[in-house]
Amino acid sequence: MSCAVENDDATGGTAWTLRIDGKLLDDEKRTYTSKRKFSSFLRRMYVEFNGNGSADEAAAKPAEWQRSASVGDSDGFDLTRTSSGGVPAGHVDAKILLHLMHSPAKFELKKELADMIGLFHATRHEAIAALWQYIKERKLQDREEPEWINCDDYMQRVFPGVARMKFTDIPSQLDRVLLPLSPVVLHYKIPMELGQHKREIYDLEVEVDDPNRDVMATMFDSIDGEVRVLDSQVAVLKRELDESREKREFMLNFSRDPKEFLASWLASQARENNAVAAVGTLSEEQRAAPFYTDHRAQEAVYRYYATVLQKRTKELSEQTTKKKAK
């Protein structure tokens, strides 16, 4: 950031220019072959001027820059103001507000939510994941109705008046406590002295694309089919191990007390047979039409179709893997 105060021959007055620019510096771990321009890191910039002493207040007009698809990026901005007459005394205070660009968008978390999950700035996905982790650790998911979350005291502070919420309502509830990020605020003093050239440097942390991301993505794509085959083999081996363990336990229990074991096993088989025979029997409640309009029945239908879809997706994935292997 720099400024220059010079005579303006066109108006016979004085002109001063504030330049705001920046460049991406290489760090110790990576070097950027194609560096982005300064404005590509900004979503919006607003500059306020406040004249002090006897500086020309009329020349201290604010300036604003807003990102637009029709305007290309640049390495910096020049803000020029002219003052009538000679060099004004005093100085001009500049307040620069930089709204940084984040992709995906980042938010500032409301204090109650930040204290609860330990994050102060996060994307929407990160906030949802952290909240879900909090719910799992404290076992707030209803056992009888898994789609419902029972809010504890901390969650009710974050979401006042909400004692229970559905899992699918978490994103909409979070929208109430995700706030826009505060801008980076820089202060700069422009001395009103003819021929004055002043420069100050500030370090800002910005998000950059990882140059190794495309290479890593290609590598993972190449081994994706291999990993799927190994996953299938591991699943088969696990199933075989489970079956072997069950057979071993069966034989060990039989060897300890054959009579007691057989009696217990026959009783268990009888209970299972009775349960299977009762599957086709409908209760009086199930015979009534309102039973099928209840939210539990609808949830059961959704889960059934989700299971069928997941099974079909897995079959298609396995078929695709086999074709690639050939």
C-alpha atoms as a PDB file:
ATOM      1  CA  MET A   1       0.000   0.000   0.000  1.00  0.00           C
ATOM      2  CA  SER A   2       1.485   3.361  -1.008  1.00  0.00           C
ATOM      3  CA  CYS A   3       0.553   7.005  -1.568  1.00  0.00           C
ATOM      4  CA  ALA A   4       1.883   9.956  -3.557  1.00  0.00           C
ATOM      5  CA  VAL A   5       1.046  13.688  -3.265  1.00  0.00           C
ATOM      6  CA  GLU A   6       1.792  15.836  -6.349  1.00  0.00           C
ATOM      7  CA  ASN A   7       0.715  19.041  -8.114  1.00  0.00           C
ATOM      8  CA  ASP A   8      -2.183  18.665 -10.551  1.00  0.00           C
ATOM      9  CA  ASP A   9      -1.324  20.797 -13.612  1.00  0.00           C
ATOM     10  CA  ALA A  10      -4.789  20.314 -15.138  1.00  0.00           C
ATOM     11  CA  THR A  11      -6.700  21.917 -12.250  1.00  0.00           C
ATOM     12  CA  GLY A  12      -3.933  23.948 -10.648  1.00  0.00           C
ATOM     13  CA  GLY A  13      -4.551  22.133  -7.388  1.00  0.00           C
ATOM     14  CA  THR A  14      -3.065  19.117  -5.663  1.00  0.00           C
ATOM     15  CA  ALA A  15      -3.633  15.433  -6.451  1.00  0.00           C
ATOM     16  CA  TRP A  16      -2.939  12.513  -4.156  1.00  0.00           C
ATOM     17  CA  THR A  17      -3.152   8.864  -5.062  1.00  0.00           C
ATOM     18  CA  LEU A  18      -3.573   5.850  -2.816  1.00  0.00           C
ATOM     19  CA  ARG A  19      -2.448   2.587  -4.402  1.00  0.00           C
ATOM     20  CA  ILE A  20      -3.601  -0.728  -2.945  1.00  0.00           C
ATOM     21  CA  ASP A  21      -1.844  -3.712  -4.489  1.00  0.00           C
ATOM     22  CA  GLY A  22      -0.561  -7.117  -3.530  1.00  0.00           C
ATOM     23  CA  LYS A  23       1.160 -10.234  -4.733  1.00  0.00           C
ATOM     24  CA  LEU A  24       1.253 -13.891  -3.752  1.00  0.00           C
ATOM     25  CA  LEU A  25       4.488 -14.921  -2.056  1.00  0.00           C
ATOM     26  CA  ASP A  26       5.999 -18.380  -2.333  1.00  0.00           C
ATOM     27  CA  ASP A  27       6.212 -20.249   0.939  1.00  0.00           C
ATOM     28  CA  GLU A  28       8.810 -22.807   2.024  1.00  0.00           C
ATOM     29  CA  LYS A  29       6.740 -25.807   0.859  1.00  0.00           C
ATOM     30  CA  ARG A  30       5.467 -24.793  -2.568  1.00  0.00           C
ATOM     31  CA  THR A  31       6.195 -22.567  -5.559  1.00  0.00           C
ATOM     32  CA  TYR A  32       3.391 -21.182  -7.723  1.00  0.00           C
ATOM     33  CA  THR A  33       4.101 -21.269 -11.447  1.00  0.00           C
ATOM     34  CA  SER A  34       1.010 -19.222 -12.388  1.00  0.00           C
ATOM     35  CA  LYS A  35       0.199 -16.695  -9.699  1.00  0.00           C
ATOM     36  CA  ARG A  36      -3.246 -15.210  -9.305  1.00  0.00           C
ATOM     37  CA  LYS A  37      -3.740 -11.465  -9.356  1.00  0.00           C
ATOM     38  CA  PHE A  38      -4.482  -9.474  -6.218  1.00  0.00           C
ATOM     39  CA  SER A  39      -8.162  -8.783  -6.921  1.00  0.00           C
ATOM     40  CA  SER A  40      -8.865 -12.497  -7.479  1.00  0.00           C
ATOM     41  CA  PHE A  41      -8.596 -12.973  -3.699  1.00  0.00           C
ATOM     42  CA  LEU A  42     -11.231 -10.299  -3.012  1.00  0.00           C
ATOM     43  CA  ARG A  43     -15.001 -10.379  -3.116  1.00  0.00           C
ATOM     44  CA  ARG A  44     -15.452  -6.712  -2.234  1.00  0.00           C
ATOM     45  CA  MET A  45     -13.342  -3.733  -1.167  1.00  0.00           C
ATOM     46  CA  TYR A  46     -14.509  -0.532   0.477  1.00  0.00           C
ATOM     47  CA  VAL A  47     -12.273   2.438   1.337  1.00  0.00           C
ATOM     48  CA  GLU A  48     -13.292   5.251   3.669  1.00  0.00           C
ATOM     49  CA  PHE A  49     -11.386   8.537   3.894  1.00  0.00           C
ATOM     50  CA  ASN A  50     -11.500  10.809   6.915  1.00  0.00           C
ATOM     51  CA  GLY A  51      -9.790  14.188   6.652  1.00  0.00           C
ATOM     52  CA  ASN A  52      -8.023  15.478   9.755  1.00  0.00           C
ATOM     53  CA  GLY A  53      -6.643  18.888  10.534  1.00  0.00           C
ATOM     54  CA  SER A  54      -7.346  21.238   7.631  1.00  0.00           C
ATOM     55  CA  ALA A  55      -7.124  18.594   4.892  1.00  0.00           C
ATOM     56  CA  ASP A  56      -9.588  19.018   2.032  1.00  0.00           C
ATOM     57  CA  GLU A  57     -12.719  17.135   3.218  1.00  0.00           C
ATOM     58  CA  ALA A  58     -14.341  17.419  -0.225  1.00  0.00           C
ATOM     59  CA  ALA A  59     -11.630  15.249  -1.757  1.00  0.00           C
ATOM     60  CA  ALA A  60     -12.123  12.468   0.819  1.00  0.00           C
ATOM     61  CA  LYS A  61     -14.907  10.591  -1.002  1.00  0.00           C
ATOM     62  CA  PRO A  62     -15.288   6.861  -0.256  1.00  0.00           C
ATOM     63  CA  ALA A  63     -14.527   4.261  -2.910  1.00  0.00           C
ATOM     64  CA  GLU A  64     -15.953   0.792  -3.460  1.00  0.00           C
ATOM     65  CA  TRP A  65     -15.040  -2.164  -5.671  1.00  0.00           C
ATOM     66  CA  GLN A  66     -17.355  -5.150  -6.161  1.00  0.00           C
ATOM     67  CA  ARG A  67     -16.433  -8.379  -7.913  1.00  0.00           C
ATOM     68  CA  SER A  68     -18.071  -8.671 -11.321  1.00  0.00           C
ATOM     69  CA  ALA A  69     -17.899 -11.354 -13.996  1.00  0.00           C
ATOM     70  CA  SER A  70     -17.540  -8.671 -16.674  1.00  0.00           C
ATOM     71  CA  VAL A  71     -14.399  -7.126 -15.150  1.00  0.00           C
ATOM     72  CA  GLY A  72     -11.054  -8.898 -15.203  1.00  0.00           C
ATOM     73  CA  ASP A  73      -8.702  -9.251 -12.250  1.00  0.00           C
ATOM     74  CA  SER A  74      -5.910  -6.771 -11.613  1.00  0.00           C
ATOM     75  CA  ASP A  75      -2.748  -6.531  -9.533  1.00  0.00           C
ATOM     76  CA  GLY A  76      -3.891  -3.405  -7.705  1.00  0.00           C
ATOM     77  CA  PHE A  77      -6.168  -0.351  -7.434  1.00  0.00           C
ATOM     78  CA  ASP A  78      -5.319   3.350  -7.759  1.00  0.00           C
ATOM     79  CA  LEU A  79      -7.593   5.797  -5.926  1.00  0.00           C
ATOM     80  CA  THR A  80      -6.885   9.393  -6.949  1.00  0.00           C
ATOM     81  CA  ARG A  81      -8.395  12.506  -5.362  1.00  0.00           C
ATOM     82  CA  THR A  82      -7.803  16.169  -6.224  1.00  0.00           C
ATOM     83  CA  SER A  83      -7.893  19.211  -3.938  1.00  0.00           C
ATOM     84  CA  SER A  84      -8.451  22.749  -5.123  1.00  0.00           C
ATOM     85  CA  GLY A  85      -5.855  25.336  -4.243  1.00  0.00           C
ATOM     86  CA  GLY A  86      -2.510  24.545  -2.678  1.00  0.00           C
ATOM     87  CA  VAL A  87      -1.429  21.586  -0.613  1.00  0.00           C
ATOM     88  CA  PRO A  88      -3.894  21.116   2.267  1.00  0.00           C
ATOM     89  CA  ALA A  89      -2.448  20.792   5.731  1.00  0.00           C
ATOM     90  CA  GLY A  90      -2.867  17.827   8.000  1.00  0.00           C
ATOM     91  CA  HIS A  91      -3.452  14.269   6.772  1.00  0.00           C
ATOM     92  CA  VAL A  92      -6.160  11.899   5.563  1.00  0.00           C
ATOM     93  CA  ASP A  93      -6.933   8.658   7.384  1.00  0.00           C
ATOM     94  CA  ALA A  94      -7.822   5.778   5.078  1.00  0.00           C
ATOM     95  CA  LYS A  95      -9.766   2.777   6.366  1.00  0.00           C
ATOM     96  CA  ILE A  96      -9.626  -0.171   3.948  1.00  0.00           C
ATOM     97  CA  LEU A  97     -12.144  -3.010   4.348  1.00  0.00           C
ATOM     98  CA  LEU A  98     -11.205  -6.159   2.404  1.00  0.00           C
ATOM     99  CA  HIS A  99     -13.849  -8.876   2.035  1.00  0.00           C
ATOM    100  CA  LEU A 100     -11.835 -11.962   1.076  1.00  0.00           C
ATOM    101  CA  MET A 101     -13.008 -14.566  -1.434  1.00  0.00           C
ATOM    102  CA  HIS A 102     -13.598 -18.094  -0.115  1.00  0.00           C
ATOM    103  CA  SER A 103     -14.638 -21.108  -2.173  1.00  0.00           C
ATOM    104  CA  PRO A 104     -16.701 -22.729  -0.801  1.00  0.00           C
ATOM    105  CA  ALA A 105     -18.097 -19.817   1.171  1.00  0.00           C
ATOM    106  CA  LYS A 106     -16.965 -19.453   4.780  1.00  0.00           C
ATOM    107  CA  PHE A 107     -19.025 -18.065   7.633  1.00  0.00           C
ATOM    108  CA  GLU A 108     -18.488 -16.681  11.093  1.00  0.00           C
ATOM    109  CA  LEU A 109     -20.248 -18.862  13.662  1.00  0.00           C
ATOM    110  CA  LYS A 110     -22.503 -17.388  16.302  1.00  0.00           C
ATOM    111  CA  LYS A 111     -20.768 -17.334  19.692  1.00  0.00           C
ATOM    112  CA  GLU A 112     -22.983 -20.020  21.267  1.00  0.00           C
ATOM    113  CA  LEU A 113     -22.403 -22.408  18.353  1.00  0.00           C
ATOM    114  CA  ALA A 114     -18.666 -21.648  18.220  1.00  0.00           C
ATOM    115  CA  ASP A 115     -18.286 -22.394  21.938  1.00  0.00           C
ATOM    116  CA  MET A 116     -20.216 -25.651  21.547  1.00  0.00           C
ATOM    117  CA  ILE A 117     -18.360 -27.202  18.583  1.00  0.00           C
ATOM    118  CA  GLY A 118     -15.015 -25.394  18.905  1.00  0.00           C
ATOM    119  CA  LEU A 119     -15.058 -23.686  15.476  1.00  0.00           C
ATOM    120  CA  PHE A 120     -15.213 -19.922  14.947  1.00  0.00           C
ATOM    121  CA  HIS A 121     -15.021 -19.848  11.137  1.00  0.00           C
ATOM    122  CA  ALA A 122     -16.226 -22.684   8.923  1.00  0.00           C
ATOM    123  CA  THR A 123     -17.914 -23.627   5.667  1.00  0.00           C
ATOM    124  CA  ARG A 124     -21.520 -24.846   5.844  1.00  0.00           C
ATOM    125  CA  HIS A 125     -20.344 -28.445   5.349  1.00  0.00           C
ATOM    126  CA  GLU A 126     -17.744 -28.159   8.143  1.00  0.00           C
ATOM    127  CA  ALA A 127     -20.334 -26.715  10.527  1.00  0.00           C
ATOM    128  CA  ILE A 128     -22.826 -29.529   9.784  1.00  0.00           C
ATOM    129  CA  ALA A 129     -20.113 -32.191  10.231  1.00  0.00           C
ATOM    130  CA  ALA A 130     -18.962 -30.690  13.543  1.00  0.00           C
ATOM    131  CA  LEU A 131     -22.533 -30.454  14.851  1.00  0.00           C
ATOM    132  CA  TRP A 132     -23.247 -34.067  13.842  1.00  0.00           C
ATOM    133  CA  GLN A 133     -20.067 -35.161  15.643  1.00  0.00           C
ATOM    134  CA  TYR A 134     -21.301 -33.338  18.762  1.00  0.00           C
ATOM    135  CA  ILE A 135     -24.681 -35.114  18.490  1.00  0.00           C
ATOM    136  CA  LYS A 136     -23.041 -38.540  18.136  1.00  0.00           C
ATOM    137  CA  GLU A 137     -20.620 -38.029  21.045  1.00  0.00           C
ATOM    138  CA  ARG A 138     -23.463 -37.069  23.392  1.00  0.00           C
ATOM    139  CA  LYS A 139     -25.878 -39.696  21.993  1.00  0.00           C
ATOM    140  CA  LEU A 140     -28.617 -37.152  21.282  1.00  0.00           C
ATOM    141  CA  GLN A 141     -30.141 -39.169  18.437  1.00  0.00           C
ATOM    142  CA  ASP A 142     -33.488 -40.624  19.533  1.00  0.00           C
ATOM    143  CA  ARG A 143     -33.310 -44.426  19.849  1.00  0.00           C
ATOM    144  CA  GLU A 144     -36.976 -44.996  19.040  1.00  0.00           C
ATOM    145  CA  GLU A 145     -37.108 -42.428  16.215  1.00  0.00           C
ATOM    146  CA  PRO A 146     -33.584 -42.156  14.756  1.00  0.00           C
ATOM    147  CA  GLU A 147     -34.581 -39.330  12.409  1.00  0.00           C
ATOM    148  CA  TRP A 148     -35.097 -37.052  15.431  1.00  0.00           C
ATOM    149  CA  ILE A 149     -32.419 -35.268  17.478  1.00  0.00           C
ATOM    150  CA  ASN A 150     -33.101 -34.489  21.154  1.00  0.00           C
ATOM    151  CA  CYS A 151     -31.436 -31.123  21.878  1.00  0.00           C
ATOM    152  CA  ASP A 152     -29.501 -30.837  25.142  1.00  0.00           C
ATOM    153  CA  ASP A 153     -29.068 -27.592  27.095  1.00  0.00           C
ATOM    154  CA  TYR A 154     -26.170 -26.391  24.928  1.00  0.00           C
ATOM    155  CA  MET A 155     -28.042 -27.004  21.675  1.00  0.00           C
ATOM    156  CA  GLN A 156     -31.108 -25.203  23.013  1.00  0.00           C
ATOM    157  CA  ARG A 157     -28.909 -22.169  23.684  1.00  0.00           C
ATOM    158  CA  VAL A 158     -27.803 -22.253  20.062  1.00  0.00           C
ATOM    159  CA  PHE A 159     -31.349 -22.922  18.765  1.00  0.00           C
ATOM    160  CA  PRO A 160     -33.706 -21.211  21.259  1.00  0.00           C
ATOM    161  CA  GLY A 161     -37.130 -22.798  21.550  1.00  0.00           C
ATOM    162  CA  VAL A 162     -36.099 -25.990  19.704  1.00  0.00           C
ATOM    163  CA  ALA A 163     -36.298 -29.048  21.995  1.00  0.00           C
ATOM    164  CA  ARG A 164     -36.205 -31.568  19.121  1.00  0.00           C
ATOM    165  CA  MET A 165     -35.282 -31.328  15.465  1.00  0.00           C
ATOM    166  CA  LYS A 166     -35.177 -33.700  12.536  1.00  0.00           C
ATOM    167  CA  PHE A 167     -31.795 -34.582  11.121  1.00  0.00           C
ATOM    168  CA  THR A 168     -32.904 -33.152   7.766  1.00  0.00           C
ATOM    169  CA  ASP A 169     -33.657 -29.811   9.462  1.00  0.00           C
ATOM    170  CA  ILE A 170     -30.069 -29.263  10.635  1.00  0.00           C
ATOM    171  CA  PRO A 171     -28.967 -27.252   7.528  1.00  0.00           C
ATOM    172  CA  SER A 172     -31.935 -24.858   7.745  1.00  0.00           C
ATOM    173  CA  GLN A 173     -31.456 -24.439  11.505  1.00  0.00           C
ATOM    174  CA  LEU A 174     -27.759 -23.677  11.007  1.00  0.00           C
ATOM    175  CA  ASP A 175     -28.557 -20.905   8.514  1.00  0.00           C
ATOM    176  CA  ARG A 176     -29.833 -18.877  11.481  1.00  0.00           C
ATOM    177  CA  VAL A 177     -26.463 -18.991  13.263  1.00  0.00           C
ATOM    178  CA  LEU A 178     -24.051 -18.701  10.307  1.00  0.00           C
ATOM    179  CA  LEU A 179     -23.013 -15.055   9.947  1.00  0.00           C
ATOM    180  CA  PRO A 180     -21.095 -13.295   7.134  1.00  0.00           C
ATOM    181  CA  LEU A 181     -17.344 -13.164   7.699  1.00  0.00           C
ATOM    182  CA  SER A 182     -16.025  -9.885   9.070  1.00  0.00           C
ATOM    183  CA  PRO A 183     -13.777  -8.029   6.599  1.00  0.00           C
ATOM    184  CA  VAL A 184     -10.059  -7.493   7.068  1.00  0.00           C
ATOM    185  CA  VAL A 185      -9.631  -3.891   8.232  1.00  0.00           C
ATOM    186  CA  LEU A 186      -6.454  -1.929   7.436  1.00  0.00           C
ATOM    187  CA  HIS A 187      -5.689   1.629   8.567  1.00  0.00           C
ATOM    188  CA  TYR A 188      -3.399   3.898   6.590  1.00  0.00           C
ATOM    189  CA  LYS A 189      -2.442   7.546   7.119  1.00  0.00           C
ATOM    190  CA  ILE A 190      -1.882   9.737   4.044  1.00  0.00           C
ATOM    191  CA  PRO A 191       0.277  12.796   4.909  1.00  0.00           C
ATOM    192  CA  MET A 192      -0.609  15.895   2.887  1.00  0.00           C
ATOM    193  CA  GLU A 193       2.944  16.868   1.949  1.00  0.00           C
ATOM    194  CA  LEU A 194       3.982  17.689  -1.617  1.00  0.00           C
ATOM    195  CA  GLY A 195       6.275  15.062  -3.126  1.00  0.00           C
ATOM    196  CA  GLN A 196       5.496  12.638  -0.319  1.00  0.00           C
ATOM    197  CA  HIS A 197       5.805   8.950  -1.181  1.00  0.00           C
ATOM    198  CA  LYS A 198       4.916   6.513   1.587  1.00  0.00           C
ATOM    199  CA  ARG A 199       4.646   2.728   1.442  1.00  0.00           C
ATOM    200  CA  GLU A 200       3.452   0.187   4.010  1.00  0.00           C
ATOM    201  CA  ILE A 201       3.307  -3.602   3.711  1.00  0.00           C
ATOM    202  CA  TYR A 202       0.768  -5.933   5.344  1.00  0.00           C
ATOM    203  CA  ASP A 203       0.725  -9.735   5.388  1.00  0.00           C
ATOM    204  CA  LEU A 204      -2.629 -11.421   4.739  1.00  0.00           C
ATOM    205  CA  GLU A 205      -3.434 -15.117   4.721  1.00  0.00           C
ATOM    206  CA  VAL A 206      -5.458 -16.154   1.660  1.00  0.00           C
ATOM    207  CA  GLU A 207      -6.774 -19.424   0.267  1.00  0.00           C
ATOM    208  CA  VAL A 208      -4.908 -20.782  -2.753  1.00  0.00           C
ATOM    209  CA  ASP A 209      -5.381 -23.819  -4.955  1.00  0.00           C
ATOM    210  CA  ASP A 210      -3.100 -26.725  -4.155  1.00  0.00           C
ATOM    211  CA  PRO A 211      -0.823 -27.225  -7.212  1.00  0.00           C
ATOM    212  CA  ASN A 212      -0.648 -30.951  -6.432  1.00  0.00           C
ATOM    213  CA  ARG A 213      -4.422 -31.408  -6.395  1.00  0.00           C
ATOM    214  CA  ASP A 214      -4.788 -32.356 -10.080  1.00  0.00           C
ATOM    215  CA  VAL A 215      -1.857 -34.769  -9.876  1.00  0.00           C
ATOM    216  CA  MET A 216      -3.295 -36.435  -6.790  1.00  0.00           C
ATOM    217  CA  ALA A 217      -6.770 -36.636  -8.351  1.00  0.00           C
ATOM    218  CA  THR A 218      -5.349 -38.431 -11.416  1.00  0.00           C
ATOM    219  CA  MET A 219      -3.434 -40.834  -9.215  1.00  0.00           C
ATOM    220  CA  PHE A 220      -6.493 -41.660  -7.105  1.00  0.00           C
ATOM    221  CA  ASP A 221      -8.615 -42.173 -10.217  1.00  0.00           C
ATOM    222  CA  SER A 222      -6.105 -44.691 -11.546  1.00  0.00           C
ATOM    223  CA  ILE A 223      -6.169 -46.798  -8.369  1.00  0.00           C
ATOM    224  CA  ASP A 224      -9.889 -46.413  -7.688  1.00  0.00           C
ATOM    225  CA  GLY A 225     -10.805 -49.649  -9.521  1.00  0.00           C
ATOM    226  CA  GLU A 226      -8.007 -51.481  -7.740  1.00  0.00           C
ATOM    227  CA  VAL A 227      -9.248 -50.314  -4.361  1.00  0.00           C
ATOM    228  CA  ARG A 228     -12.808 -51.403  -5.157  1.00  0.00           C
ATOM    229  CA  VAL A 229     -11.598 -54.921  -5.999  1.00  0.00           C
ATOM    230  CA  LEU A 230      -9.612 -55.085  -2.759  1.00  0.00           C
ATOM    231  CA  ASP A 231     -12.640 -53.832  -0.808  1.00  0.00           C
ATOM    232  CA  SER A 232     -14.737 -56.654  -2.279  1.00  0.00           C
ATOM    233  CA  GLN A 233     -12.092 -59.222  -1.357  1.00  0.00           C
ATOM    234  CA  VAL A 234     -11.870 -57.864   2.198  1.00  0.00           C
ATOM    235  CA  ALA A 235     -15.673 -58.056   2.534  1.00  0.00           C
ATOM    236  CA  VAL A 236     -15.657 -61.707   1.399  1.00  0.00           C
ATOM    237  CA  LEU A 237     -12.864 -62.603   3.829  1.00  0.00           C
ATOM    238  CA  LYS A 238     -14.646 -60.846   6.690  1.00  0.00           C
ATOM    239  CA  ARG A 239     -17.844 -62.785   5.954  1.00  0.00           C
ATOM    240  CA  GLU A 240     -15.897 -66.062   5.919  1.00  0.00           C
ATOM    241  CA  LEU A 241     -14.213 -65.201   9.217  1.00  0.00           C
ATOM    242  CA  ASP A 242     -17.570 -64.368  10.809  1.00  0.00           C
ATOM    243  CA  GLU A 243     -19.000 -67.685   9.639  1.00  0.00           C
ATOM    244  CA  SER A 244     -15.957 -69.589  10.971  1.00  0.00           C
ATOM    245  CA  ARG A 245     -16.230 -67.836  14.332  1.00  0.00           C
ATOM    246  CA  GLU A 246     -19.941 -68.713  14.596  1.00  0.00           C
ATOM    247  CA  LYS A 247     -19.219 -72.370  13.764  1.00  0.00           C
ATOM    248  CA  ARG A 248     -16.466 -72.509  16.380  1.00  0.00           C
ATOM    249  CA  GLU A 249     -18.690 -70.996  19.069  1.00  0.00           C
ATOM    250  CA  PHE A 250     -21.467 -73.414  18.115  1.00  0.00           C
ATOM    251  CA  MET A 251     -19.190 -76.452  18.517  1.00  0.00           C
ATOM    252  CA  LEU A 252     -17.596 -75.165  21.740  1.00  0.00           C
ATOM    253  CA  ASN A 253     -20.978 -74.579  23.373  1.00  0.00           C
ATOM    254  CA  PHE A 254     -22.155 -78.013  22.235  1.00  0.00           C
ATOM    255  CA  SER A 255     -19.038 -79.693  23.668  1.00  0.00           C
ATOM    256  CA  ARG A 256     -19.468 -78.097  27.109  1.00  0.00           C
ATOM    257  CA  ASP A 257     -23.056 -79.278  27.723  1.00  0.00           C
ATOM    258  CA  PRO A 258     -24.691 -81.051  24.751  1.00  0.00           C
ATOM    259  CA  LYS A 259     -28.061 -81.604  26.466  1.00  0.00           C
ATOM    260  CA  GLU A 260     -28.517 -78.027  27.672  1.00  0.00           C
ATOM    261  CA  PHE A 261     -27.241 -76.626  24.387  1.00  0.00           C
ATOM    262  CA  LEU A 262     -29.661 -78.661  22.258  1.00  0.00           C
ATOM    263  CA  ALA A 263     -32.616 -77.725  24.484  1.00  0.00           C
ATOM    264  CA  SER A 264     -31.723 -74.033  24.241  1.00  0.00           C
ATOM    265  CA  TRP A 265     -31.150 -74.244  20.488  1.00  0.00           C
ATOM    266  CA  LEU A 266     -34.493 -76.008  19.836  1.00  0.00           C
ATOM    267  CA  ALA A 267     -36.322 -73.394  21.936  1.00  0.00           C
ATOM    268  CA  SER A 268     -34.665 -70.626  19.918  1.00  0.00           C
ATOM    269  CA  GLN A 269     -35.682 -72.262  16.645  1.00  0.00           C
ATOM    270  CA  ALA A 270     -39.266 -72.577  17.890  1.00  0.00           C
ATOM    271  CA  ARG A 271     -39.412 -68.867  18.713  1.00  0.00           C
ATOM    272  CA  GLU A 272     -38.087 -67.965  15.249  1.00  0.00           C
ATOM    273  CA  ASN A 273     -40.657 -70.237  13.579  1.00  0.00           C
ATOM    274  CA  ASN A 274     -43.471 -68.609  15.548  1.00  0.00           C
ATOM    275  CA  ALA A 275     -42.196 -65.165  14.559  1.00  0.00           C
ATOM    276  CA  VAL A 276     -42.083 -66.143  10.878  1.00  0.00           C
ATOM    277  CA  ALA A 277     -45.615 -67.565  11.054  1.00  0.00           C
ATOM    278  CA  ALA A 278     -46.891 -64.304  12.570  1.00  0.00           C
ATOM    279  CA  VAL A 279     -45.430 -62.075   9.823  1.00  0.00           C
ATOM    280  CA  GLY A 280     -48.513 -62.327   7.608  1.00  0.00           C
ATOM    281  CA  THR A 281     -50.925 -61.468  10.422  1.00  0.00           C
ATOM    282  CA  LEU A 282     -52.101 -57.832  10.605  1.00  0.00           C
ATOM    283  CA  SER A 283     -53.133 -56.207  13.875  1.00  0.00           C
ATOM    284  CA  GLU A 284     -56.344 -54.219  14.195  1.00  0.00           C
ATOM    285  CA  GLU A 285     -54.331 -51.002  14.042  1.00  0.00           C
ATOM    286  CA  GLN A 286     -52.646 -52.084  10.808  1.00  0.00           C
ATOM    287  CA  ARG A 287     -56.016 -52.851   9.222  1.00  0.00           C
ATOM    288  CA  ALA A 288     -57.104 -49.207   9.543  1.00  0.00           C
ATOM    289  CA  ALA A 289     -56.248 -46.687   6.786  1.00  0.00           C
ATOM    290  CA  PRO A 290     -54.831 -43.947   9.134  1.00  0.00           C
ATOM    291  CA  PHE A 291     -51.990 -46.308  10.053  1.00  0.00           C
ATOM    292  CA  TYR A 292     -50.490 -45.867   6.572  1.00  0.00           C
ATOM    293  CA  THR A 293     -50.633 -42.065   6.624  1.00  0.00           C
ATOM    294  CA  ASP A 294     -48.621 -41.868   9.849  1.00  0.00           C
ATOM    295  CA  HIS A 295     -45.115 -40.371   9.509  1.00  0.00           C
ATOM    296  CA  ARG A 296     -43.574 -43.634  10.711  1.00  0.00           C
ATOM    297  CA  ALA A 297     -45.086 -45.554   7.809  1.00  0.00           C
ATOM    298  CA  GLN A 298     -43.818 -42.930   5.346  1.00  0.00           C
ATOM    299  CA  GLU A 299     -40.362 -43.095   6.914  1.00  0.00           C
ATOM    300  CA  ALA A 300     -40.397 -46.897   6.528  1.00  0.00           C
ATOM    301  CA  VAL A 301     -41.210 -46.535   2.817  1.00  0.00           C
ATOM    302  CA  TYR A 302     -38.382 -44.006   2.344  1.00  0.00           C
ATOM    303  CA  ARG A 303     -35.922 -46.330   4.057  1.00  0.00           C
ATOM    304  CA  TYR A 304     -37.055 -49.293   1.969  1.00  0.00           C
ATOM    305  CA  TYR A 305     -36.528 -47.414  -1.297  1.00  0.00           C
ATOM    306  CA  ALA A 306     -33.175 -46.079  -0.036  1.00  0.00           C
ATOM    307  CA  THR A 307     -32.045 -49.655   0.681  1.00  0.00           C
ATOM    308  CA  VAL A 308     -33.158 -50.826  -2.773  1.00  0.00           C
ATOM    309  CA  LEU A 309     -31.393 -47.874  -4.434  1.00  0.00           C
ATOM    310  CA  GLN A 310     -28.193 -48.498  -2.466  1.00  0.00           C
ATOM    311  CA  LYS A 311     -28.223 -52.189  -3.401  1.00  0.00           C
ATOM    312  CA  ARG A 312     -28.784 -51.397  -7.100  1.00  0.00           C
ATOM    313  CA  THR A 313     -25.994 -48.760  -7.061  1.00  0.00           C
ATOM    314  CA  LYS A 314     -23.595 -51.288  -5.556  1.00  0.00           C
ATOM    315  CA  GLU A 315     -24.472 -53.848  -8.244  1.00  0.00           C
ATOM    316  CA  LEU A 316     -23.884 -51.321 -11.031  1.00  0.00           C
ATOM    317  CA  SER A 317     -20.580 -50.282  -9.459  1.00  0.00           C
ATOM    318  CA  GLU A 318     -19.400 -53.886  -9.300  1.00  0.00           C
ATOM    319  CA  GLN A 319     -20.400 -54.451 -12.932  1.00  0.00           C
ATOM    320  CA  THR A 320     -18.484 -51.327 -13.995  1.00  0.00           C
ATOM    321  CA  THR A 321     -15.411 -52.498 -12.057  1.00  0.00           C
ATOM    322  CA  LYS A 322     -15.511 -55.903 -13.740  1.00  0.00           C
ATOM    323  CA  LYS A 323     -15.737 -54.295 -17.200  1.00  0.00           C
ATOM    324  CA  LYS A 324     -12.745 -52.053 -16.460  1.00  0.00           C
ATOM    325  CA  ALA A 325     -10.763 -55.048 -15.189  1.00  0.00           C
ATOM    326  CA  LYS A 326     -11.406 -56.859 -18.486  1.00  0.00           C
END
